[in-house]
């Protein structure tokens, strides 16, 4: 992003997405910039309802389960709203440190998913279950997907795979669909393929 001329403002990891949102709002007000508000705008889930969700039901003959990570909740909500009409059961994936499953809020290394509060447009009636993943499992899957499948994905994708695998153990049969929302090219400045929980992953 810097190479393209972006002014990148980093916030404290301990502040999570709430801290990042606060910085974005402050910047927008100070410089008369547009704040996209992906955590509050209904355009976020609506976009997925009319694109990704419809693409899934058009291209796949049958879906039993849908698994997706939740950050803003846009992908999960938009897709799950559509899939409920097809009697699909929808499951959330979050990292430890996210509060959706009732656990305590703390910093985590899985990027792009996890929330310090329940997202405003995430309807609990759409949620059939929540899987809480360890950072290490997410990053192990990042390396696994690169080595075995040639998929260069980010840690939220690794967490999504882990959630799908955990669900597979429970249901044993049925078609499970998950989303890999990010690529590892976003994290080349980090040790994404050599992650250890003891590292200072910044």
N, C-alpha and C. Protein backbone atom coordinates (compact mmCIF):
# COMPACT_ATOMS: atom_id res chain seq x y z
N UNK A 1 0.82 -1.20 0.00
CA UNK A 1 0.00 0.00 0.00
C UNK A 1 0.86 1.26 0.00
N UNK A 2 1.96 1.20 0.74
CA UNK A 2 2.87 2.34 0.75
C UNK A 2 3.44 2.59 -0.64
N UNK A 3 3.73 1.50 -1.37
CA UNK A 3 4.28 1.63 -2.71
C UNK A 3 3.31 2.32 -3.66
N UNK A 4 2.02 2.23 -3.35
CA UNK A 4 1.00 2.88 -4.16
C UNK A 4 0.67 4.28 -3.67
N UNK A 5 1.40 4.72 -2.65
CA UNK A 5 1.23 6.09 -2.17
C UNK A 5 0.34 6.25 -0.97
N UNK A 6 -0.07 5.14 -0.35
CA UNK A 6 -0.97 5.23 0.80
C UNK A 6 -0.24 5.72 2.05
N UNK A 7 -0.94 6.48 2.85
CA UNK A 7 -0.44 6.91 4.17
C UNK A 7 -0.95 5.89 5.18
N UNK A 8 -0.10 4.97 5.60
CA UNK A 8 -0.50 3.87 6.48
C UNK A 8 -0.35 4.30 7.93
N UNK A 9 -1.44 4.29 8.66
CA UNK A 9 -1.43 4.65 10.08
C UNK A 9 -1.62 3.38 10.91
N UNK A 10 -0.64 3.00 11.68
CA UNK A 10 -0.73 1.81 12.53
C UNK A 10 -1.24 2.18 13.91
N UNK A 11 -2.07 1.32 14.47
CA UNK A 11 -2.58 1.52 15.82
C UNK A 11 -2.06 0.40 16.71
N UNK A 12 -2.23 0.55 18.01
CA UNK A 12 -1.73 -0.44 18.96
C UNK A 12 -2.48 -1.77 18.81
N UNK A 13 -1.73 -2.85 18.76
CA UNK A 13 -2.32 -4.18 18.63
C UNK A 13 -3.31 -4.44 19.76
N UNK A 14 -3.01 -3.97 20.95
CA UNK A 14 -3.87 -4.21 22.12
C UNK A 14 -5.22 -3.52 21.99
N UNK A 15 -5.33 -2.51 21.11
CA UNK A 15 -6.59 -1.79 20.93
C UNK A 15 -7.51 -2.48 19.93
N UNK A 16 -6.99 -3.46 19.20
CA UNK A 16 -7.81 -4.21 18.26
C UNK A 16 -8.43 -3.34 17.18
N UNK A 17 -9.54 -3.84 16.62
CA UNK A 17 -10.21 -3.11 15.55
C UNK A 17 -10.91 -1.86 16.06
N UNK A 18 -11.29 -1.84 17.32
CA UNK A 18 -11.91 -0.64 17.88
C UNK A 18 -10.93 0.53 17.80
N UNK A 19 -9.67 0.27 18.12
CA UNK A 19 -8.65 1.30 18.02
C UNK A 19 -8.42 1.75 16.59
N UNK A 20 -8.42 0.80 15.65
CA UNK A 20 -8.23 1.13 14.24
C UNK A 20 -9.40 1.96 13.71
N UNK A 21 -10.61 1.59 14.11
CA UNK A 21 -11.78 2.36 13.67
C UNK A 21 -11.74 3.78 14.22
N UNK A 22 -11.32 3.91 15.47
CA UNK A 22 -11.24 5.23 16.08
C UNK A 22 -10.25 6.12 15.35
N UNK A 23 -9.10 5.56 14.98
CA UNK A 23 -8.09 6.31 14.24
C UNK A 23 -8.62 6.72 12.87
N UNK A 24 -9.35 5.81 12.21
CA UNK A 24 -9.90 6.11 10.89
C UNK A 24 -10.93 7.25 10.96
N UNK A 25 -11.78 7.21 11.98
CA UNK A 25 -12.78 8.27 12.15
C UNK A 25 -12.11 9.62 12.41
N UNK A 26 -11.08 9.60 13.26
CA UNK A 26 -10.36 10.84 13.57
C UNK A 26 -9.69 11.41 12.32
N UNK A 27 -9.06 10.53 11.54
CA UNK A 27 -8.39 10.96 10.32
C UNK A 27 -9.39 11.56 9.34
N UNK A 28 -10.53 10.88 9.17
CA UNK A 28 -11.55 11.35 8.22
C UNK A 28 -12.06 12.74 8.60
N UNK A 29 -12.27 12.93 9.89
CA UNK A 29 -12.77 14.24 10.35
C UNK A 29 -11.73 15.33 10.17
N UNK A 30 -10.48 15.01 10.49
CA UNK A 30 -9.41 16.00 10.42
C UNK A 30 -9.09 16.42 8.99
N UNK A 31 -9.11 15.45 8.08
CA UNK A 31 -8.68 15.72 6.70
C UNK A 31 -9.85 15.73 5.70
N UNK A 32 -11.08 15.75 6.23
CA UNK A 32 -12.26 15.77 5.36
C UNK A 32 -12.23 14.61 4.37
N UNK A 33 -11.89 13.42 4.88
CA UNK A 33 -11.79 12.22 4.06
C UNK A 33 -13.04 11.36 4.24
N UNK A 34 -13.20 10.38 3.35
CA UNK A 34 -14.35 9.48 3.42
C UNK A 34 -14.03 8.29 4.32
N UNK A 35 -14.84 8.10 5.35
CA UNK A 35 -14.72 6.93 6.23
C UNK A 35 -15.73 5.89 5.76
N UNK A 36 -15.26 4.74 5.30
CA UNK A 36 -16.15 3.75 4.68
C UNK A 36 -17.06 3.04 5.67
N UNK A 37 -16.66 2.98 6.95
CA UNK A 37 -17.49 2.40 8.00
C UNK A 37 -17.98 1.00 7.66
N UNK A 38 -17.05 0.12 7.35
CA UNK A 38 -17.43 -1.24 6.99
C UNK A 38 -18.07 -2.00 8.14
N UNK A 39 -17.87 -1.55 9.37
CA UNK A 39 -18.45 -2.22 10.53
C UNK A 39 -19.87 -1.76 10.82
N UNK A 40 -20.34 -0.73 10.13
CA UNK A 40 -21.67 -0.22 10.42
C UNK A 40 -22.58 -0.04 9.23
N UNK A 41 -22.02 -0.06 8.03
CA UNK A 41 -22.82 0.19 6.83
C UNK A 41 -23.47 -1.09 6.32
N UNK A 42 -24.77 -1.04 6.09
CA UNK A 42 -25.49 -2.20 5.56
C UNK A 42 -25.05 -2.54 4.14
N UNK A 43 -24.37 -1.61 3.47
CA UNK A 43 -23.84 -1.91 2.14
C UNK A 43 -22.85 -3.07 2.19
N UNK A 44 -22.21 -3.27 3.33
CA UNK A 44 -21.23 -4.34 3.47
C UNK A 44 -21.88 -5.71 3.30
N UNK A 45 -22.80 -6.14 4.17
CA UNK A 45 -23.41 -7.45 3.96
C UNK A 45 -24.25 -7.54 2.69
N UNK A 46 -24.90 -6.45 2.32
CA UNK A 46 -25.74 -6.47 1.11
C UNK A 46 -24.93 -6.79 -0.13
N UNK A 47 -23.70 -6.30 -0.17
CA UNK A 47 -22.84 -6.58 -1.32
C UNK A 47 -22.57 -8.07 -1.46
N UNK A 48 -22.37 -8.76 -0.33
CA UNK A 48 -22.11 -10.20 -0.37
C UNK A 48 -23.37 -11.00 -0.69
N UNK A 49 -24.52 -10.52 -0.25
CA UNK A 49 -25.78 -11.20 -0.57
C UNK A 49 -26.00 -11.25 -2.07
N UNK A 50 -25.70 -10.16 -2.75
CA UNK A 50 -25.99 -10.05 -4.18
C UNK A 50 -24.85 -10.51 -5.08
N UNK A 51 -23.73 -10.88 -4.50
CA UNK A 51 -22.60 -11.34 -5.32
C UNK A 51 -22.15 -12.74 -4.91
N UNK A 52 -21.38 -12.83 -3.86
CA UNK A 52 -20.81 -14.11 -3.43
C UNK A 52 -21.88 -15.14 -3.11
N UNK A 53 -22.88 -14.75 -2.35
CA UNK A 53 -23.91 -15.71 -1.94
C UNK A 53 -24.64 -16.29 -3.14
N UNK A 54 -25.04 -15.45 -4.06
CA UNK A 54 -25.75 -15.93 -5.24
C UNK A 54 -24.85 -16.77 -6.13
N UNK A 55 -23.58 -16.42 -6.19
CA UNK A 55 -22.64 -17.22 -6.96
C UNK A 55 -22.51 -18.63 -6.40
N UNK A 56 -22.50 -18.75 -5.08
CA UNK A 56 -22.39 -20.07 -4.45
C UNK A 56 -23.57 -20.95 -4.80
N UNK A 57 -24.78 -20.43 -4.69
CA UNK A 57 -25.96 -21.25 -4.96
C UNK A 57 -26.16 -21.51 -6.44
N UNK A 58 -25.64 -20.64 -7.29
CA UNK A 58 -25.74 -20.86 -8.73
C UNK A 58 -24.76 -21.92 -9.22
N UNK A 59 -23.57 -21.96 -8.61
CA UNK A 59 -22.50 -22.82 -9.13
C UNK A 59 -22.38 -24.16 -8.40
N UNK A 60 -22.96 -24.25 -7.21
CA UNK A 60 -22.90 -25.50 -6.45
C UNK A 60 -24.28 -26.13 -6.40
N UNK A 61 -24.34 -27.41 -6.68
CA UNK A 61 -25.64 -28.09 -6.72
C UNK A 61 -26.29 -28.16 -5.35
N UNK A 62 -25.46 -28.27 -4.32
CA UNK A 62 -26.02 -28.45 -2.97
C UNK A 62 -25.00 -27.99 -1.94
N UNK A 63 -25.47 -27.33 -0.90
CA UNK A 63 -24.63 -26.91 0.23
C UNK A 63 -25.36 -27.29 1.52
N UNK A 64 -24.65 -27.94 2.42
CA UNK A 64 -25.23 -28.27 3.73
C UNK A 64 -24.78 -27.30 4.81
N UNK A 65 -23.51 -26.89 4.74
CA UNK A 65 -22.93 -26.06 5.80
C UNK A 65 -22.06 -24.96 5.19
N UNK A 66 -22.12 -23.79 5.81
CA UNK A 66 -21.27 -22.67 5.41
C UNK A 66 -20.46 -22.23 6.62
N UNK A 67 -19.14 -22.07 6.43
CA UNK A 67 -18.23 -21.68 7.50
C UNK A 67 -17.46 -20.44 7.06
N UNK A 68 -17.45 -19.40 7.90
CA UNK A 68 -16.72 -18.18 7.54
C UNK A 68 -16.23 -17.46 8.78
N UNK A 69 -15.08 -16.83 8.64
CA UNK A 69 -14.58 -15.97 9.70
C UNK A 69 -15.40 -14.69 9.78
N UNK A 70 -15.39 -14.08 10.96
CA UNK A 70 -16.13 -12.83 11.16
C UNK A 70 -15.19 -11.77 11.71
N UNK A 71 -15.10 -10.67 10.99
CA UNK A 71 -14.43 -9.46 11.46
C UNK A 71 -15.49 -8.39 11.60
N UNK A 72 -15.81 -7.75 10.48
CA UNK A 72 -16.94 -6.82 10.46
C UNK A 72 -18.25 -7.58 10.47
N UNK A 73 -18.23 -8.82 9.99
CA UNK A 73 -19.45 -9.62 9.88
C UNK A 73 -20.12 -9.52 8.53
N UNK A 74 -19.54 -8.74 7.61
CA UNK A 74 -20.16 -8.52 6.32
C UNK A 74 -20.27 -9.77 5.46
N UNK A 75 -19.17 -10.49 5.33
CA UNK A 75 -19.19 -11.71 4.51
C UNK A 75 -20.16 -12.73 5.08
N UNK A 76 -20.01 -13.03 6.37
CA UNK A 76 -20.87 -14.04 6.99
C UNK A 76 -22.34 -13.66 6.89
N UNK A 77 -22.68 -12.44 7.28
CA UNK A 77 -24.07 -12.01 7.30
C UNK A 77 -24.68 -12.01 5.91
N UNK A 78 -23.96 -11.44 4.95
CA UNK A 78 -24.48 -11.35 3.60
C UNK A 78 -24.72 -12.71 2.97
N UNK A 79 -23.79 -13.64 3.18
CA UNK A 79 -23.93 -14.97 2.61
C UNK A 79 -24.96 -15.79 3.38
N UNK A 80 -24.90 -15.74 4.71
CA UNK A 80 -25.80 -16.55 5.54
C UNK A 80 -27.26 -16.17 5.33
N UNK A 81 -27.55 -14.89 5.15
CA UNK A 81 -28.93 -14.46 4.90
C UNK A 81 -29.50 -15.14 3.67
N UNK A 82 -28.68 -15.26 2.65
CA UNK A 82 -29.11 -15.90 1.40
C UNK A 82 -29.21 -17.42 1.57
N UNK A 83 -28.22 -18.01 2.22
CA UNK A 83 -28.18 -19.47 2.32
C UNK A 83 -29.25 -20.03 3.24
N UNK A 84 -29.75 -19.23 4.19
CA UNK A 84 -30.82 -19.71 5.07
C UNK A 84 -32.05 -20.13 4.26
N UNK A 85 -32.26 -19.48 3.12
CA UNK A 85 -33.39 -19.84 2.25
C UNK A 85 -33.21 -21.22 1.64
N UNK A 86 -32.00 -21.75 1.70
CA UNK A 86 -31.68 -23.07 1.16
C UNK A 86 -31.44 -24.09 2.28
N UNK A 87 -31.87 -23.76 3.48
CA UNK A 87 -31.74 -24.63 4.66
C UNK A 87 -30.29 -24.99 4.97
N UNK A 88 -29.39 -24.08 4.68
CA UNK A 88 -27.97 -24.28 5.00
C UNK A 88 -27.71 -23.84 6.44
N UNK A 89 -26.89 -24.61 7.15
CA UNK A 89 -26.49 -24.22 8.51
C UNK A 89 -25.19 -23.41 8.42
N UNK A 90 -25.14 -22.31 9.16
CA UNK A 90 -24.05 -21.35 9.04
C UNK A 90 -23.23 -21.26 10.33
N UNK A 91 -21.90 -21.35 10.17
CA UNK A 91 -21.01 -21.37 11.33
C UNK A 91 -19.96 -20.27 11.23
N UNK A 92 -19.72 -19.64 12.37
CA UNK A 92 -18.71 -18.58 12.48
C UNK A 92 -17.38 -19.17 12.93
N UNK A 93 -16.29 -18.61 12.42
CA UNK A 93 -14.95 -18.90 12.90
C UNK A 93 -14.36 -17.62 13.48
N UNK A 94 -13.78 -17.72 14.66
CA UNK A 94 -13.12 -16.57 15.28
C UNK A 94 -11.84 -17.05 15.96
N UNK A 95 -10.87 -16.17 16.15
CA UNK A 95 -9.66 -16.52 16.90
C UNK A 95 -9.88 -16.37 18.40
N UNK A 96 -9.08 -17.06 19.19
CA UNK A 96 -9.09 -16.79 20.63
C UNK A 96 -8.74 -15.32 20.86
N UNK A 97 -9.50 -14.66 21.71
CA UNK A 97 -9.34 -13.23 21.91
C UNK A 97 -10.50 -12.45 21.35
N UNK A 98 -11.28 -13.11 20.49
CA UNK A 98 -12.53 -12.53 20.00
C UNK A 98 -13.65 -12.93 20.96
N UNK A 99 -14.70 -12.11 21.05
CA UNK A 99 -15.69 -12.29 22.11
C UNK A 99 -17.00 -12.94 21.65
N UNK A 100 -17.11 -13.33 20.39
CA UNK A 100 -18.40 -13.79 19.86
C UNK A 100 -18.89 -15.05 20.54
N UNK A 101 -17.97 -15.89 21.00
CA UNK A 101 -18.35 -17.14 21.66
C UNK A 101 -18.35 -17.01 23.18
N UNK A 102 -18.27 -15.77 23.67
CA UNK A 102 -18.34 -15.53 25.10
C UNK A 102 -17.02 -15.48 25.82
N UNK A 103 -15.91 -15.65 25.09
CA UNK A 103 -14.60 -15.62 25.72
C UNK A 103 -14.11 -14.21 25.98
N UNK A 104 -13.02 -14.08 26.74
CA UNK A 104 -12.48 -12.74 27.05
C UNK A 104 -11.80 -12.12 25.83
N UNK A 105 -11.84 -10.81 25.76
CA UNK A 105 -11.20 -10.09 24.67
C UNK A 105 -9.71 -9.89 24.96
N UNK A 106 -8.86 -10.27 24.01
CA UNK A 106 -7.43 -9.98 24.12
C UNK A 106 -6.82 -10.00 22.72
N UNK A 107 -5.59 -9.53 22.61
CA UNK A 107 -4.92 -9.46 21.32
C UNK A 107 -4.70 -10.86 20.75
N UNK A 108 -4.70 -10.94 19.42
CA UNK A 108 -4.44 -12.21 18.74
C UNK A 108 -3.69 -11.91 17.45
N UNK A 109 -3.11 -12.94 16.84
CA UNK A 109 -2.29 -12.75 15.65
C UNK A 109 -3.00 -13.08 14.35
N UNK A 110 -4.15 -13.74 14.43
CA UNK A 110 -4.93 -14.03 13.23
C UNK A 110 -5.57 -12.74 12.74
N UNK A 111 -5.17 -12.30 11.57
CA UNK A 111 -5.60 -10.97 11.09
C UNK A 111 -6.84 -11.05 10.20
N UNK A 112 -7.67 -10.02 10.30
CA UNK A 112 -8.83 -9.91 9.42
C UNK A 112 -10.12 -10.42 10.01
N UNK A 113 -10.04 -11.21 11.08
CA UNK A 113 -11.24 -11.69 11.76
C UNK A 113 -11.07 -11.50 13.26
N UNK A 114 -12.18 -11.66 13.97
CA UNK A 114 -12.18 -11.44 15.41
C UNK A 114 -12.78 -10.09 15.74
N UNK A 115 -13.47 -10.03 16.86
CA UNK A 115 -14.15 -8.78 17.22
C UNK A 115 -14.16 -8.60 18.73
N UNK A 116 -14.04 -7.32 19.15
CA UNK A 116 -14.11 -6.99 20.57
C UNK A 116 -15.55 -6.79 21.03
N UNK A 117 -16.48 -6.74 20.08
CA UNK A 117 -17.90 -6.63 20.40
C UNK A 117 -18.68 -7.27 19.26
N UNK A 118 -19.96 -7.58 19.54
CA UNK A 118 -20.79 -8.22 18.52
C UNK A 118 -21.06 -7.21 17.40
N UNK A 119 -20.73 -7.54 16.14
CA UNK A 119 -20.95 -6.60 15.03
C UNK A 119 -22.41 -6.18 14.91
N UNK A 120 -22.64 -4.93 14.56
CA UNK A 120 -23.98 -4.35 14.60
C UNK A 120 -24.97 -5.04 13.68
N UNK A 121 -24.52 -5.50 12.52
CA UNK A 121 -25.48 -6.12 11.59
C UNK A 121 -25.40 -7.64 11.55
N UNK A 122 -24.72 -8.24 12.54
CA UNK A 122 -24.63 -9.69 12.62
C UNK A 122 -25.81 -10.23 13.42
N UNK A 123 -26.78 -10.82 12.72
CA UNK A 123 -28.00 -11.34 13.32
C UNK A 123 -27.72 -12.71 13.95
N UNK A 124 -27.93 -12.81 15.25
CA UNK A 124 -27.65 -14.07 15.95
C UNK A 124 -28.51 -15.23 15.43
N UNK A 125 -29.66 -14.92 14.85
CA UNK A 125 -30.54 -15.97 14.31
C UNK A 125 -29.91 -16.66 13.10
N UNK A 126 -28.93 -16.03 12.49
CA UNK A 126 -28.25 -16.63 11.35
C UNK A 126 -27.16 -17.61 11.77
N UNK A 127 -26.78 -17.59 13.04
CA UNK A 127 -25.62 -18.33 13.53
C UNK A 127 -26.04 -19.67 14.12
N UNK A 128 -25.56 -20.75 13.53
CA UNK A 128 -25.85 -22.09 14.04
C UNK A 128 -24.75 -22.63 14.95
N UNK A 129 -23.61 -21.97 14.97
CA UNK A 129 -22.52 -22.39 15.83
C UNK A 129 -21.31 -21.50 15.63
N UNK A 130 -20.40 -21.53 16.61
CA UNK A 130 -19.18 -20.72 16.55
C UNK A 130 -17.99 -21.59 16.92
N UNK A 131 -16.95 -21.54 16.10
CA UNK A 131 -15.69 -22.22 16.39
C UNK A 131 -14.64 -21.18 16.75
N UNK A 132 -13.98 -21.39 17.88
CA UNK A 132 -12.92 -20.49 18.32
C UNK A 132 -11.58 -21.19 18.10
N UNK A 133 -10.74 -20.58 17.28
CA UNK A 133 -9.50 -21.21 16.81
C UNK A 133 -8.27 -20.62 17.49
N UNK A 134 -7.25 -21.44 17.67
CA UNK A 134 -5.95 -20.96 18.14
C UNK A 134 -5.18 -20.34 16.97
N UNK A 135 -4.42 -19.29 17.26
CA UNK A 135 -3.58 -18.68 16.23
C UNK A 135 -2.68 -19.71 15.56
N UNK A 136 -2.07 -20.57 16.37
CA UNK A 136 -1.12 -21.53 15.82
C UNK A 136 -1.78 -22.45 14.79
N UNK A 137 -3.02 -22.87 15.04
CA UNK A 137 -3.73 -23.72 14.07
C UNK A 137 -3.96 -22.98 12.76
N UNK A 138 -4.33 -21.71 12.86
CA UNK A 138 -4.55 -20.91 11.65
C UNK A 138 -3.28 -20.82 10.82
N UNK A 139 -2.15 -20.53 11.47
CA UNK A 139 -0.90 -20.38 10.74
C UNK A 139 -0.35 -21.72 10.26
N UNK A 140 -0.61 -22.79 10.99
CA UNK A 140 -0.22 -24.12 10.50
C UNK A 140 -0.93 -24.42 9.18
N UNK A 141 -2.20 -24.02 9.10
CA UNK A 141 -2.96 -24.26 7.87
C UNK A 141 -2.50 -23.36 6.72
N UNK A 142 -2.02 -22.17 7.04
CA UNK A 142 -1.44 -21.31 6.00
C UNK A 142 -0.29 -22.04 5.31
N UNK A 143 0.58 -22.63 6.11
CA UNK A 143 1.73 -23.36 5.56
C UNK A 143 1.28 -24.63 4.85
N UNK A 144 0.31 -25.34 5.43
CA UNK A 144 -0.21 -26.57 4.83
C UNK A 144 -0.80 -26.31 3.46
N UNK A 145 -1.62 -25.27 3.35
CA UNK A 145 -2.26 -24.96 2.07
C UNK A 145 -1.25 -24.56 1.01
N UNK A 146 -0.19 -23.88 1.42
CA UNK A 146 0.86 -23.51 0.47
C UNK A 146 1.62 -24.74 -0.01
N UNK A 147 1.97 -25.62 0.93
CA UNK A 147 2.77 -26.79 0.60
C UNK A 147 2.00 -27.85 -0.17
N UNK A 148 0.75 -28.09 0.22
CA UNK A 148 -0.02 -29.20 -0.34
C UNK A 148 -0.90 -28.81 -1.52
N UNK A 149 -1.40 -27.58 -1.51
CA UNK A 149 -2.37 -27.18 -2.54
C UNK A 149 -1.88 -26.03 -3.42
N UNK A 150 -0.79 -25.38 -3.01
CA UNK A 150 -0.33 -24.23 -3.77
C UNK A 150 -1.18 -22.99 -3.57
N UNK A 151 -1.98 -22.97 -2.49
CA UNK A 151 -2.82 -21.81 -2.16
C UNK A 151 -2.04 -20.89 -1.23
N UNK A 152 -1.80 -19.67 -1.65
CA UNK A 152 -1.08 -18.71 -0.82
C UNK A 152 -2.10 -17.83 -0.12
N UNK A 153 -2.48 -18.23 1.09
CA UNK A 153 -3.55 -17.56 1.82
C UNK A 153 -3.02 -16.92 3.10
N UNK A 154 -3.84 -16.07 3.70
CA UNK A 154 -3.50 -15.44 4.97
C UNK A 154 -4.06 -16.20 6.15
N UNK A 155 -3.81 -15.69 7.34
CA UNK A 155 -4.17 -16.42 8.56
C UNK A 155 -5.68 -16.55 8.77
N UNK A 156 -6.48 -15.59 8.32
CA UNK A 156 -7.93 -15.75 8.47
C UNK A 156 -8.44 -16.89 7.60
N UNK A 157 -7.78 -17.14 6.48
CA UNK A 157 -8.12 -18.28 5.64
C UNK A 157 -7.72 -19.59 6.32
N UNK A 158 -6.56 -19.57 6.98
CA UNK A 158 -6.15 -20.75 7.74
C UNK A 158 -7.12 -21.07 8.85
N UNK A 159 -7.65 -20.04 9.50
CA UNK A 159 -8.65 -20.24 10.54
C UNK A 159 -9.94 -20.79 9.96
N UNK A 160 -10.33 -20.29 8.79
CA UNK A 160 -11.55 -20.78 8.13
C UNK A 160 -11.44 -22.27 7.82
N UNK A 161 -10.28 -22.69 7.32
CA UNK A 161 -10.07 -24.11 7.05
C UNK A 161 -10.16 -24.91 8.33
N UNK A 162 -9.57 -24.43 9.41
CA UNK A 162 -9.62 -25.15 10.68
C UNK A 162 -11.06 -25.30 11.15
N UNK A 163 -11.86 -24.24 11.00
CA UNK A 163 -13.27 -24.33 11.38
C UNK A 163 -14.01 -25.37 10.56
N UNK A 164 -13.73 -25.41 9.25
CA UNK A 164 -14.37 -26.40 8.39
C UNK A 164 -13.97 -27.82 8.78
N UNK A 165 -12.70 -28.00 9.14
CA UNK A 165 -12.23 -29.32 9.56
C UNK A 165 -12.86 -29.74 10.89
N UNK A 166 -13.01 -28.79 11.81
CA UNK A 166 -13.66 -29.10 13.09
C UNK A 166 -15.12 -29.47 12.86
N UNK A 167 -15.79 -28.76 11.96
CA UNK A 167 -17.19 -29.08 11.66
C UNK A 167 -17.31 -30.45 11.02
N UNK A 168 -16.37 -30.78 10.14
CA UNK A 168 -16.38 -32.09 9.49
C UNK A 168 -16.33 -33.21 10.51
N UNK A 169 -15.56 -33.03 11.59
CA UNK A 169 -15.49 -34.05 12.64
C UNK A 169 -16.85 -34.25 13.30
N UNK A 170 -17.62 -33.18 13.40
CA UNK A 170 -18.91 -33.24 14.08
C UNK A 170 -20.00 -33.86 13.21
N UNK A 171 -20.03 -33.47 11.93
CA UNK A 171 -21.16 -33.86 11.08
C UNK A 171 -20.87 -35.10 10.25
N UNK A 172 -19.60 -35.39 10.00
CA UNK A 172 -19.13 -36.59 9.31
C UNK A 172 -19.49 -36.64 7.83
N UNK A 173 -20.63 -36.10 7.43
CA UNK A 173 -20.98 -36.08 6.02
C UNK A 173 -21.74 -34.80 5.68
N UNK A 174 -21.80 -34.51 4.39
CA UNK A 174 -22.44 -33.28 3.94
C UNK A 174 -21.44 -32.37 3.24
N UNK A 175 -21.95 -31.42 2.48
CA UNK A 175 -21.11 -30.49 1.73
C UNK A 175 -20.84 -29.25 2.58
N UNK A 176 -19.57 -29.01 2.87
CA UNK A 176 -19.15 -27.86 3.67
C UNK A 176 -18.46 -26.85 2.76
N UNK A 177 -18.91 -25.61 2.79
CA UNK A 177 -18.30 -24.54 2.00
C UNK A 177 -17.68 -23.52 2.95
N UNK A 178 -16.45 -23.13 2.66
CA UNK A 178 -15.83 -22.06 3.42
C UNK A 178 -15.19 -21.07 2.47
N UNK A 179 -14.78 -19.92 3.00
CA UNK A 179 -14.23 -18.83 2.20
C UNK A 179 -12.79 -18.55 2.64
N UNK A 180 -11.89 -18.43 1.68
CA UNK A 180 -10.54 -17.96 1.95
C UNK A 180 -10.48 -16.49 1.56
N UNK A 181 -10.62 -15.58 2.53
CA UNK A 181 -10.80 -14.17 2.20
C UNK A 181 -9.53 -13.36 1.96
N UNK A 182 -8.37 -13.93 2.28
CA UNK A 182 -7.16 -13.12 2.13
C UNK A 182 -6.01 -13.95 1.59
N UNK A 183 -5.05 -13.26 0.99
CA UNK A 183 -3.88 -13.91 0.43
C UNK A 183 -2.63 -13.60 1.24
N UNK A 184 -1.66 -14.49 1.18
CA UNK A 184 -0.43 -14.30 1.96
C UNK A 184 0.42 -13.16 1.42
N UNK A 185 0.13 -12.69 0.19
CA UNK A 185 0.89 -11.57 -0.36
C UNK A 185 0.73 -10.30 0.47
N UNK A 186 -0.32 -10.23 1.28
CA UNK A 186 -0.53 -9.07 2.14
C UNK A 186 0.41 -9.06 3.34
N UNK A 187 1.04 -10.19 3.61
CA UNK A 187 1.79 -10.34 4.86
C UNK A 187 3.24 -10.75 4.63
N UNK A 188 3.79 -10.42 3.48
CA UNK A 188 5.15 -10.84 3.16
C UNK A 188 6.20 -10.20 4.06
N UNK A 189 5.86 -9.08 4.69
CA UNK A 189 6.81 -8.44 5.60
C UNK A 189 6.81 -9.10 6.97
N UNK A 190 5.96 -10.11 7.15
CA UNK A 190 5.86 -10.81 8.43
C UNK A 190 6.29 -12.26 8.25
N UNK A 191 6.38 -12.99 9.34
CA UNK A 191 6.81 -14.39 9.30
C UNK A 191 5.60 -15.31 9.14
N UNK A 192 4.80 -15.07 8.10
CA UNK A 192 3.54 -15.80 7.99
C UNK A 192 3.74 -17.30 7.75
N UNK A 193 4.84 -17.69 7.10
CA UNK A 193 5.09 -19.11 6.85
C UNK A 193 6.00 -19.73 7.91
N UNK A 194 6.38 -18.95 8.90
CA UNK A 194 7.26 -19.45 9.96
C UNK A 194 6.78 -18.94 11.31
N UNK A 195 5.47 -18.99 11.51
CA UNK A 195 4.87 -18.41 12.72
C UNK A 195 5.08 -19.31 13.93
N UNK A 196 5.44 -18.68 15.03
CA UNK A 196 5.47 -19.33 16.33
C UNK A 196 4.79 -18.40 17.31
N UNK A 197 3.99 -18.97 18.21
CA UNK A 197 3.23 -18.12 19.14
C UNK A 197 4.13 -17.25 20.00
N UNK A 198 5.36 -17.70 20.22
CA UNK A 198 6.27 -16.93 21.06
C UNK A 198 6.89 -15.74 20.32
N UNK A 199 6.74 -15.73 18.97
CA UNK A 199 7.31 -14.63 18.19
C UNK A 199 6.54 -13.34 18.44
N UNK A 200 7.20 -12.22 18.21
CA UNK A 200 6.53 -10.93 18.22
C UNK A 200 6.02 -10.70 16.81
N UNK A 201 4.82 -11.18 16.53
CA UNK A 201 4.27 -11.13 15.17
C UNK A 201 3.69 -9.75 14.93
N UNK A 202 4.47 -8.87 14.34
CA UNK A 202 4.04 -7.49 14.05
C UNK A 202 4.30 -7.17 12.59
